[in-house]
Structure formats: C-alpha cells, structure tokens
C-alpha cells in the first residue's frame, strides 16, 4: 500500500494515542517496555519497542509503528550514547524537513529526520507535527 499524507497522519495519531495509553513519556518509560510488542485495538497495526544496534555499533531505542500492508511506517530512534534522536518514515510523497534515502518495494519514499536532542519529548513533538499534516 502506498502511504498517503492522510495515512501518515492517521498512523501518527494512533502512535500518539498508544504512547499516551501506555504512559510512555520518557526514555526511562521506554526502558521498562523494551522487548514488547503491543497490538492496537481492532486494527492489525502494532508497535514494537526494541533496542537496536545501528551500523555505528551503539545501541538505540527503536519504537516502530508497523502496518501489515506497508511494514514499518514510522520508527522513532533515540540514541543516548550518540546524543541524537531520529524519525524514520515512509510516504508516497516527500515530507517537509525529512531527507529521502531510498524507497520500498511499494514505491513509498523512505525518509529520515535527525534531531539534535536525545530526549523522548523531541520525537513525540515530531509525531504531533505529522499528525497535524
């Protein structure tokens, strides 16, 4: 499925509702939920919270919103050791402020936005901005 701006906003809305429902408001809250996958109500969408090792070898929290028709649609990464956060997303259109770096098999652009802060509130603000678009 190609991910429209509208789809992306809905995914961001669901992602924010999940974070609120699970009371995830900080890096410490993520730490307590590591290794967990949450199914989102009647939807087949789910959110996974993991510790991933990027190519540089340092661990980063990865919070992934997955839609079975598209794969990971939005992923939040927080790397305390390197001092940054990042939002990865897929969409059929370019999103302002994000840099495209590839595409998936469905033709969605894979885009990234790196943030200068490693606090959880910075990635939540990005989700809120996506919801509003």
N, C-alpha and C. Protein backbone atom coordinates (compact mmCIF):
# COMPACT_ATOMS: atom_id res chain seq x y z
N UNK A 1 0.84 -1.18 0.00
CA UNK A 1 0.00 0.00 0.00
C UNK A 1 0.88 1.24 0.00
N UNK A 2 0.56 2.17 -0.85
CA UNK A 2 1.23 3.46 -0.83
C UNK A 2 0.69 4.26 0.35
N UNK A 3 1.58 4.90 1.08
CA UNK A 3 1.20 5.65 2.28
C UNK A 3 1.00 7.12 1.90
N UNK A 4 -0.24 7.57 1.96
CA UNK A 4 -0.54 8.97 1.66
C UNK A 4 -0.24 9.83 2.88
N UNK A 5 -0.26 11.13 2.69
CA UNK A 5 -0.08 12.06 3.81
C UNK A 5 -1.18 11.82 4.84
N UNK A 6 -2.40 11.56 4.36
CA UNK A 6 -3.52 11.29 5.26
C UNK A 6 -3.26 10.03 6.08
N UNK A 7 -2.80 8.95 5.42
CA UNK A 7 -2.46 7.70 6.13
C UNK A 7 -1.39 7.96 7.19
N UNK A 8 -0.37 8.71 6.81
CA UNK A 8 0.73 9.01 7.72
C UNK A 8 0.22 9.75 8.96
N UNK A 9 -0.68 10.72 8.75
CA UNK A 9 -1.28 11.45 9.86
C UNK A 9 -2.08 10.53 10.78
N UNK A 10 -2.80 9.58 10.18
CA UNK A 10 -3.57 8.61 10.99
C UNK A 10 -2.64 7.69 11.77
N UNK A 11 -1.55 7.25 11.14
CA UNK A 11 -0.59 6.41 11.85
C UNK A 11 0.03 7.18 13.02
N UNK A 12 0.37 8.44 12.78
CA UNK A 12 0.94 9.28 13.84
C UNK A 12 -0.06 9.46 14.98
N UNK A 13 -1.32 9.67 14.64
CA UNK A 13 -2.38 9.81 15.66
C UNK A 13 -2.49 8.53 16.48
N UNK A 14 -2.51 7.39 15.84
CA UNK A 14 -2.57 6.10 16.55
C UNK A 14 -1.34 5.89 17.42
N UNK A 15 -0.19 6.29 16.90
CA UNK A 15 1.08 6.15 17.63
C UNK A 15 1.03 7.00 18.91
N UNK A 16 0.60 8.25 18.79
CA UNK A 16 0.48 9.13 19.95
C UNK A 16 -0.52 8.60 20.98
N UNK A 17 -1.65 8.08 20.50
CA UNK A 17 -2.66 7.51 21.40
C UNK A 17 -2.08 6.30 22.15
N UNK A 18 -1.31 5.49 21.45
CA UNK A 18 -0.66 4.35 22.09
C UNK A 18 0.29 4.81 23.19
N UNK A 19 1.16 5.78 22.87
CA UNK A 19 2.11 6.29 23.87
C UNK A 19 1.40 6.83 25.10
N UNK A 20 0.31 7.52 24.87
CA UNK A 20 -0.48 8.07 25.97
C UNK A 20 -1.11 6.94 26.80
N UNK A 21 -1.73 5.99 26.13
CA UNK A 21 -2.40 4.88 26.81
C UNK A 21 -1.41 4.06 27.64
N UNK A 22 -0.22 3.85 27.11
CA UNK A 22 0.80 3.05 27.81
C UNK A 22 1.64 3.90 28.77
N UNK A 23 1.34 5.19 28.83
CA UNK A 23 2.05 6.14 29.72
C UNK A 23 3.55 6.15 29.45
N UNK A 24 3.89 6.20 28.19
CA UNK A 24 5.29 6.29 27.79
C UNK A 24 5.57 7.76 27.51
N UNK A 25 6.32 8.37 28.40
CA UNK A 25 6.58 9.80 28.31
C UNK A 25 8.06 10.15 28.41
N UNK A 26 8.91 9.14 28.57
CA UNK A 26 10.34 9.41 28.76
C UNK A 26 11.17 8.22 28.29
N UNK A 27 12.48 8.44 28.21
CA UNK A 27 13.40 7.35 27.88
C UNK A 27 13.32 6.24 28.92
N UNK A 28 13.14 6.61 30.20
CA UNK A 28 13.03 5.61 31.27
C UNK A 28 11.79 4.73 31.07
N UNK A 29 10.69 5.33 30.61
CA UNK A 29 9.49 4.54 30.33
C UNK A 29 9.74 3.55 29.20
N UNK A 30 10.50 3.97 28.19
CA UNK A 30 10.86 3.05 27.09
C UNK A 30 11.67 1.88 27.62
N UNK A 31 12.61 2.19 28.49
CA UNK A 31 13.49 1.16 29.06
C UNK A 31 12.68 0.05 29.73
N UNK A 32 11.63 0.43 30.43
CA UNK A 32 10.79 -0.55 31.14
C UNK A 32 9.96 -1.41 30.17
N UNK A 33 9.76 -0.95 28.95
CA UNK A 33 8.91 -1.68 27.99
C UNK A 33 9.71 -2.37 26.89
N UNK A 34 11.04 -2.37 27.00
CA UNK A 34 11.88 -2.97 25.96
C UNK A 34 11.50 -4.42 25.69
N UNK A 35 11.54 -4.78 24.43
CA UNK A 35 11.25 -6.15 24.02
C UNK A 35 9.77 -6.48 23.95
N UNK A 36 8.93 -5.45 23.97
CA UNK A 36 7.49 -5.67 24.00
C UNK A 36 6.85 -5.23 22.68
N UNK A 37 5.85 -5.98 22.25
CA UNK A 37 5.05 -5.62 21.09
C UNK A 37 3.60 -5.45 21.55
N UNK A 38 2.98 -4.36 21.12
CA UNK A 38 1.61 -4.03 21.51
C UNK A 38 0.73 -3.99 20.26
N UNK A 39 -0.36 -4.73 20.27
CA UNK A 39 -1.32 -4.67 19.17
C UNK A 39 -2.30 -3.54 19.45
N UNK A 40 -2.71 -2.84 18.40
CA UNK A 40 -3.50 -1.63 18.56
C UNK A 40 -4.98 -1.91 18.30
N UNK A 41 -5.69 -2.28 19.34
CA UNK A 41 -7.14 -2.46 19.27
C UNK A 41 -7.57 -3.45 18.20
N UNK A 42 -8.61 -3.08 17.45
CA UNK A 42 -9.16 -3.95 16.41
C UNK A 42 -8.30 -3.95 15.15
N UNK A 43 -7.39 -3.02 15.06
CA UNK A 43 -6.51 -2.89 13.91
C UNK A 43 -5.48 -4.02 13.92
N UNK A 44 -4.88 -4.29 12.79
CA UNK A 44 -3.78 -5.24 12.73
C UNK A 44 -2.44 -4.54 12.94
N UNK A 45 -2.48 -3.21 13.08
CA UNK A 45 -1.26 -2.43 13.32
C UNK A 45 -0.71 -2.76 14.71
N UNK A 46 0.61 -2.60 14.86
CA UNK A 46 1.22 -2.83 16.17
C UNK A 46 2.45 -1.95 16.35
N UNK A 47 2.84 -1.80 17.61
CA UNK A 47 4.02 -1.02 17.98
C UNK A 47 4.97 -1.94 18.73
N UNK A 48 6.24 -1.92 18.34
CA UNK A 48 7.28 -2.70 19.00
C UNK A 48 8.32 -1.76 19.60
N UNK A 49 8.80 -2.11 20.77
CA UNK A 49 9.84 -1.31 21.43
C UNK A 49 11.05 -2.22 21.62
N UNK A 50 12.16 -1.83 20.99
CA UNK A 50 13.35 -2.67 20.99
C UNK A 50 14.60 -1.84 21.21
N UNK A 51 15.67 -2.53 21.47
CA UNK A 51 16.99 -1.92 21.50
C UNK A 51 17.71 -2.44 20.27
N UNK A 52 18.06 -1.56 19.34
CA UNK A 52 18.70 -1.98 18.09
C UNK A 52 20.11 -1.44 18.01
N UNK A 53 20.92 -2.14 17.29
CA UNK A 53 22.29 -1.75 17.09
C UNK A 53 22.45 -1.19 15.68
N UNK A 54 22.58 0.15 15.55
CA UNK A 54 22.81 0.71 14.22
C UNK A 54 24.21 0.36 13.73
N UNK A 55 24.51 0.73 12.53
CA UNK A 55 25.79 0.37 11.92
C UNK A 55 27.00 0.90 12.69
N UNK A 56 26.83 1.98 13.44
CA UNK A 56 27.96 2.55 14.18
C UNK A 56 28.30 1.73 15.42
N UNK A 57 27.45 0.74 15.77
CA UNK A 57 27.75 -0.14 16.88
C UNK A 57 27.18 0.27 18.22
N UNK A 58 26.58 1.42 18.33
CA UNK A 58 25.99 1.87 19.58
C UNK A 58 24.49 1.56 19.58
N UNK A 59 23.97 1.16 20.72
CA UNK A 59 22.56 0.79 20.82
C UNK A 59 21.66 2.01 20.82
N UNK A 60 20.50 1.85 20.21
CA UNK A 60 19.49 2.92 20.17
C UNK A 60 18.13 2.30 20.46
N UNK A 61 17.29 3.02 21.20
CA UNK A 61 15.91 2.61 21.36
C UNK A 61 15.23 2.75 20.01
N UNK A 62 14.46 1.77 19.63
CA UNK A 62 13.69 1.84 18.38
C UNK A 62 12.24 1.53 18.72
N UNK A 63 11.36 2.49 18.44
CA UNK A 63 9.93 2.32 18.67
C UNK A 63 9.28 2.35 17.29
N UNK A 64 8.78 1.20 16.85
CA UNK A 64 8.32 1.04 15.47
C UNK A 64 6.82 0.87 15.38
N UNK A 65 6.19 1.68 14.53
CA UNK A 65 4.77 1.54 14.22
C UNK A 65 4.68 0.77 12.92
N UNK A 66 4.10 -0.42 12.98
CA UNK A 66 4.03 -1.29 11.81
C UNK A 66 2.59 -1.50 11.37
N UNK A 67 2.38 -1.34 10.07
CA UNK A 67 1.11 -1.64 9.43
C UNK A 67 1.39 -2.83 8.52
N UNK A 68 0.64 -3.94 8.66
CA UNK A 68 0.94 -5.13 7.86
C UNK A 68 0.98 -4.89 6.35
N UNK A 69 0.25 -3.92 5.86
CA UNK A 69 0.25 -3.64 4.42
C UNK A 69 1.44 -2.84 3.93
N UNK A 70 2.18 -2.24 4.87
CA UNK A 70 3.29 -1.37 4.46
C UNK A 70 4.60 -1.67 5.17
N UNK A 71 4.57 -2.46 6.22
CA UNK A 71 5.76 -2.67 7.04
C UNK A 71 5.88 -1.54 8.05
N UNK A 72 7.10 -1.25 8.46
CA UNK A 72 7.30 -0.17 9.44
C UNK A 72 7.02 1.15 8.74
N UNK A 73 5.96 1.83 9.18
CA UNK A 73 5.57 3.10 8.57
C UNK A 73 6.27 4.28 9.24
N UNK A 74 6.42 4.19 10.57
CA UNK A 74 7.10 5.24 11.34
C UNK A 74 7.97 4.56 12.38
N UNK A 75 9.20 5.02 12.50
CA UNK A 75 10.07 4.49 13.54
C UNK A 75 10.77 5.64 14.24
N UNK A 76 10.72 5.61 15.56
CA UNK A 76 11.41 6.58 16.39
C UNK A 76 12.68 5.92 16.91
N UNK A 77 13.78 6.61 16.79
CA UNK A 77 15.04 6.09 17.33
C UNK A 77 15.63 7.12 18.28
N UNK A 78 16.06 6.65 19.42
CA UNK A 78 16.66 7.53 20.42
C UNK A 78 17.99 6.90 20.83
N UNK A 79 19.07 7.64 20.63
CA UNK A 79 20.40 7.14 20.93
C UNK A 79 21.05 8.06 21.96
N UNK A 80 21.00 7.64 23.23
CA UNK A 80 21.57 8.45 24.30
C UNK A 80 23.08 8.55 24.16
N UNK A 81 23.73 7.46 23.78
CA UNK A 81 25.19 7.43 23.70
C UNK A 81 25.73 8.40 22.65
N UNK A 82 25.02 8.50 21.53
CA UNK A 82 25.45 9.40 20.46
C UNK A 82 24.82 10.78 20.57
N UNK A 83 23.81 10.93 21.45
CA UNK A 83 23.19 12.23 21.70
C UNK A 83 22.26 12.73 20.60
N UNK A 84 21.47 11.83 20.00
CA UNK A 84 20.52 12.26 18.98
C UNK A 84 19.28 11.39 19.00
N UNK A 85 18.24 11.90 18.38
CA UNK A 85 17.02 11.15 18.10
C UNK A 85 16.77 11.24 16.60
N UNK A 86 15.96 10.34 16.11
CA UNK A 86 15.71 10.31 14.67
C UNK A 86 14.31 9.76 14.43
N UNK A 87 13.66 10.27 13.40
CA UNK A 87 12.37 9.75 12.98
C UNK A 87 12.54 9.25 11.55
N UNK A 88 12.21 7.99 11.34
CA UNK A 88 12.21 7.39 10.01
C UNK A 88 10.75 7.17 9.62
N UNK A 89 10.42 7.43 8.39
CA UNK A 89 9.04 7.21 7.95
C UNK A 89 9.01 6.85 6.48
N UNK A 90 7.85 6.33 6.07
CA UNK A 90 7.62 6.04 4.66
C UNK A 90 6.37 6.78 4.22
N UNK A 91 6.42 7.32 3.02
CA UNK A 91 5.28 8.03 2.45
C UNK A 91 5.43 8.07 0.94
N UNK A 92 4.30 8.17 0.27
CA UNK A 92 4.32 8.26 -1.19
C UNK A 92 4.78 9.65 -1.65
N UNK A 93 4.80 10.61 -0.72
CA UNK A 93 5.22 11.98 -1.05
C UNK A 93 6.33 12.42 -0.11
N UNK A 94 7.10 13.41 -0.56
CA UNK A 94 8.13 13.98 0.31
C UNK A 94 7.47 14.74 1.44
N UNK A 95 8.05 14.63 2.62
CA UNK A 95 7.59 15.32 3.81
C UNK A 95 8.60 16.41 4.14
N UNK A 96 8.12 17.65 4.33
CA UNK A 96 9.00 18.77 4.63
C UNK A 96 9.87 18.52 5.85
N UNK A 97 11.15 18.80 5.73
CA UNK A 97 12.09 18.62 6.82
C UNK A 97 12.73 17.25 6.88
N UNK A 98 12.24 16.32 6.06
CA UNK A 98 12.76 14.96 6.03
C UNK A 98 13.60 14.76 4.78
N UNK A 99 14.63 13.94 4.88
CA UNK A 99 15.50 13.64 3.74
C UNK A 99 15.22 12.24 3.22
N UNK A 100 14.86 12.12 1.95
CA UNK A 100 14.64 10.78 1.39
C UNK A 100 15.98 10.06 1.21
N UNK A 101 16.00 8.74 1.47
CA UNK A 101 17.23 8.00 1.25
C UNK A 101 17.00 6.64 0.60
N UNK A 102 15.82 6.47 0.04
CA UNK A 102 15.53 5.23 -0.65
C UNK A 102 14.04 5.07 -0.85
N UNK A 103 13.65 3.90 -1.31
CA UNK A 103 12.22 3.61 -1.46
C UNK A 103 12.00 2.14 -1.17
N UNK A 104 10.75 1.80 -0.82
CA UNK A 104 10.42 0.41 -0.57
C UNK A 104 9.85 -0.22 -1.84
N UNK A 105 9.51 -1.47 -1.78
CA UNK A 105 9.02 -2.19 -2.96
C UNK A 105 7.66 -1.69 -3.42
N UNK A 106 6.94 -0.96 -2.56
CA UNK A 106 5.62 -0.42 -2.91
C UNK A 106 5.69 0.97 -3.52
N UNK A 107 6.90 1.53 -3.59
CA UNK A 107 7.07 2.86 -4.16
C UNK A 107 7.01 3.99 -3.15
N UNK A 108 6.95 3.68 -1.86
CA UNK A 108 6.99 4.72 -0.83
C UNK A 108 8.41 5.20 -0.64
N UNK A 109 8.57 6.50 -0.44
CA UNK A 109 9.87 7.06 -0.13
C UNK A 109 10.20 6.79 1.33
N UNK A 110 11.39 6.31 1.60
CA UNK A 110 11.87 6.16 2.96
C UNK A 110 12.60 7.46 3.30
N UNK A 111 12.17 8.10 4.37
CA UNK A 111 12.67 9.43 4.71
C UNK A 111 13.12 9.46 6.16
N UNK A 112 14.06 10.36 6.45
CA UNK A 112 14.65 10.43 7.77
C UNK A 112 14.78 11.88 8.23
N UNK A 113 14.60 12.09 9.50
CA UNK A 113 14.85 13.40 10.10
C UNK A 113 15.62 13.16 11.38
N UNK A 114 16.82 13.71 11.44
CA UNK A 114 17.67 13.56 12.62
C UNK A 114 17.50 14.78 13.49
N UNK A 115 17.30 14.55 14.79
CA UNK A 115 17.09 15.63 15.74
C UNK A 115 18.32 15.75 16.64
N UNK A 116 18.62 16.96 17.05
CA UNK A 116 19.83 17.21 17.84
C UNK A 116 19.69 16.79 19.30
N UNK A 117 18.51 16.38 19.71
CA UNK A 117 18.29 16.01 21.11
C UNK A 117 17.98 14.53 21.22
N UNK A 118 18.31 13.93 22.34
CA UNK A 118 18.02 12.51 22.53
C UNK A 118 16.91 12.28 23.56
N UNK A 119 16.15 13.32 23.84
CA UNK A 119 15.06 13.16 24.78
C UNK A 119 13.79 12.72 24.05
N UNK A 120 12.96 12.02 24.76
CA UNK A 120 11.75 11.45 24.19
C UNK A 120 10.78 12.51 23.70
N UNK A 121 10.74 13.65 24.38
CA UNK A 121 9.79 14.70 24.01
C UNK A 121 10.03 15.24 22.60
N UNK A 122 11.27 15.20 22.13
CA UNK A 122 11.54 15.71 20.78
C UNK A 122 10.92 14.82 19.70
N UNK A 123 10.93 13.50 19.89
CA UNK A 123 10.32 12.62 18.89
C UNK A 123 8.80 12.65 18.99
N UNK A 124 8.27 12.86 20.19
CA UNK A 124 6.82 12.98 20.35
C UNK A 124 6.33 14.24 19.64
N UNK A 125 7.09 15.32 19.72
CA UNK A 125 6.73 16.55 19.01
C UNK A 125 6.69 16.30 17.50
N UNK A 126 7.63 15.54 16.99
CA UNK A 126 7.62 15.20 15.56
C UNK A 126 6.37 14.41 15.18
N UNK A 127 5.98 13.47 16.03
CA UNK A 127 4.74 12.72 15.78
C UNK A 127 3.54 13.65 15.75
N UNK A 128 3.49 14.59 16.69
CA UNK A 128 2.38 15.55 16.73
C UNK A 128 2.35 16.40 15.46
N UNK A 129 3.52 16.78 14.97
CA UNK A 129 3.61 17.55 13.72
C UNK A 129 3.11 16.72 12.54
N UNK A 130 3.46 15.44 12.51
CA UNK A 130 2.99 14.55 11.42
C UNK A 130 1.48 14.38 11.49
N UNK A 131 0.95 14.28 12.68
CA UNK A 131 -0.49 14.13 12.86
C UNK A 131 -1.23 15.33 12.28
N UNK A 132 -0.66 16.51 12.46
CA UNK A 132 -1.29 17.75 12.02
C UNK A 132 -1.20 17.95 10.51
N UNK A 133 -0.31 17.22 9.84
CA UNK A 133 -0.12 17.45 8.39
C UNK A 133 -1.17 16.79 7.55
